[in-house]
């Protein structure tokens, strides 16, 4: 025996009374109902026996299979989404292992960045950052605490990952590797500094990358306002119209513009207009005349008729937008009174607003382009906390200084109304972006940031990172479907820069020293960076805090986007000899996060993709289709679930879902998974009760046709199972196995019971079915163990003859080719099909017979002993009569019309005899011991 594991079941047991005759009814120490306590004992047994180490030793010479674990944040307890993801990874890993591969899977955790900083501040107070070294140590401790807590939940779920030696983004060796990679990219000219508008989260008080954003819908104040043209511009407009031979109104004119962010009007630097299209002059309800686009006027008249007193058609087309550049027009900024030039803007459209869009280069990437090309003024009057502040020569009114953006919008509109410049305000729902951590809106804000240039060629190659990543993406297999490929490709092709810098303390530092006077970087930046890498390798990122600042320079306080060190996970692993990962499994939201960063960073080092295969999955939703969210605190309690139902039930639920669609979590679906677990355990239990104990027993010289057919069907199921597992369609793989289970239970097991329970020991029939059951048990347990590791290991260890210390030390035998069925198997299969066709007849006939009496089956026609014997074998438990007795039925149902072997089923007029041993019904009188003729012979010998 290879193990000292003892089942020690919780279930109440009873010993059946000893039968009078030696009927073979084994009672294995394995029960149909899942036992959470048994799973706990198995976990303890695996830890005590070093199961993972045993498996590594057994597969040492096998090909490596590397599953690269995308890291969850170590900032809270594990939730249902974590365990769903880890279960899917575990099924892949166990499949690779049972197929004879050496699995390398180190669990990973993301331990840097804002989530940890917030957790520490919550625990130690908002001023925790005042002591930087202490704060960073507290971040390490917090990450370690939650990593250990999550690891316990993952272990309880049966995850086979290496949880004792995980990879952590805060491991000093990995921190050094990531910093080294960033240094190479800086030296290649890909890390550039830009002063530009970036997505800014006031809750994070930091820039965000596109991967950290989510779409949402919010109300915005669609605000129309008018501003006067300068006197010189009014004259220029008239002269331009007269040169076109058109009339133009005399007197002052205003420009009609619009915005959905009134708080940005304090940074107004001009007005953008389309590059082509006709201008119009319309009269507002207030009597003021405004200039706007003809198309815009028609739309506004329809949508906001109260804005205008009449259309003003007499001046349509007097001027075209294409002429305005030569006129060098300027208006007055709506709130500051500063000059605001009119500029052609490719992003301005007649189909939006008035055709004239307010420009605030500090708060819009399109506006910022005009700042770079036309020198438009750039003022940023919003601080890191998202509140207004004084900037340059513009002093905020007291009501706005320190105001939030929402308050500032309302106050700005009030001030426009007081000055007579407000034309119309309406709240409208618009699609906008929010921080995926805080679920709060973000805005563009100009700041000095470091970013990776994704479209700049490097290293003497004509391709940039984005192009190389796109090419690698084309060589990546996606399962279970291709849904994630298109979003990844879109982000790679459209994203120009990846903003890396974050105003964070806890993370990879951006190791720059800037001259206090000139602002230039230190000339020895590369050498100091390399020195820092060595210090970090031994002391972690905290080494930057103690790195001496050269005289006359200031040290950077920014850190690197956490997606960089998470996305560089392959880098240090590749240095360990793993090479390209075979698989990565993450939620579809990671197309914009970990998957994207991994592809982009890997493209710097290799033409190959970081992963050979990618599996993406959707999310768990409730019965109403609403997504469970960790941040909302609404995820089901997995600990209570495991304590009540066990991890196998949860794993069955996961693998029964089509992960390409949303997965509905409900009491009904959990109840179904529980029943499925019982069915599978019952299936394994039947094997244990009846199969050979000797694992080395050779194949019998001859097998019953039914046993040969069962093994043939099992191999067919296995072939289908492999295809589904390779494609990540676990629910279909389970279906393949379940179909075999149902067939075996209904036909193979049912028709083998008499042989198993009553046949003479050592008889050819008994040896055949016991050997076939042993083969079926081992193969089914190995395949099913990818999903139900606890139940299958428990069943294996309950087998008295188990040849190894663990089921997981076995490998699947090589797949057998499937030749065409020989004539004997085809006949057997046809007979079973005929049996299935008669089952509805038997069920209907049960309503005709008295309680406790069998259904009687009889052929209609001449007596055929061979057919009668086949019918008796196919329907144990029924009373089969000879052809001459076919009319001895008090009530009956006729079988299918046109059947080659017409059968009638019903209530027999003759009371049958029932054997006291095999429980079969016979028409002849029983022997003196109450046995049928066959049992009497078996007992006698």
Foldseek 3Di string as FASTA:
>chain_A
DFDPDDQPDPDDDDDDDDDPFQFQWFFFPFALFDDLVSLVSVLVRCVVVVVLVVLCVLLVVFAEAEEEEQAEALQAADFPQVLLQLLLVLLLQLVCLQQRHNYAAAHEHEQFDDSLLVSLCVVPNPCLCVPPVRSQVSSVVSSVVSLVNNLVVNVQLVRSHPSVDHHYLQQLQLLLLLLVLVLVLVVQVQKDKDFAWAWADLVQLKGDWPLQKDKDKDKFKKFKWKFWWDPLQLVLLQVLLVVVVAHDDDDTEIAIEIDRQLLLLLQFQAKEFALWAKKFWFAFPVRHIYIFGPLLLVVCCVVPVNGGPDRRPRRIRSDINNPVVVSFIWTARQPQRDIHTYYYFNPFDVVDGRRIYTAARQFDRSSVVCCVVVVGDHWFQAHSNQAGQDTDPDHDDPQRHRDHSVSSNVVSLVVSVVVVTTRDIDMDMDMAMPGNVPRHGITIGTDIFIKGFQQDDGDPDNGGLLVLLLLQLVQAAEFPDCVLSVVLNVCSVPPGIGTWWILDQTANAPWWKAAPPPRDTDPCSSVVSNVVSVVSSPVTNCVSVVPDHPPRIDTDNIHTDSLSSSLCSVRVVVVVVPAAHAEYEEESSCSSGNLNNVSSSVSVPDSHGSYNYYYYFYAEDEPVRHGDDVVVVRGDDVVVVCNVRNSLLVLQLSLLDPRNDHRYDDPVSSVVSSVVSSLVSVLLSLLLSFADLAPPDDADPDADLLLVLLVLLVLVLVVQLVVCSVRSNSSVNVVSLVVSSVCCVVAVCVLCSCVRTFFFPPDRHSNRSNHSSVVVNLQSLSSCCSRRVSSSQVSLVSRNNNPHPTSSSHHDDDRDDNDDDDPSNVVVVVLVVVLVQCVVQLVVQVVAEDPPAAKEKEWADAFDVVVQVSVCSRDFRHEYDTNVQQVQAPDWDWGDPPDPTTMIIHHGNQGWQAAPRSRGTYRDDADPVRHHPVSVVSSVD
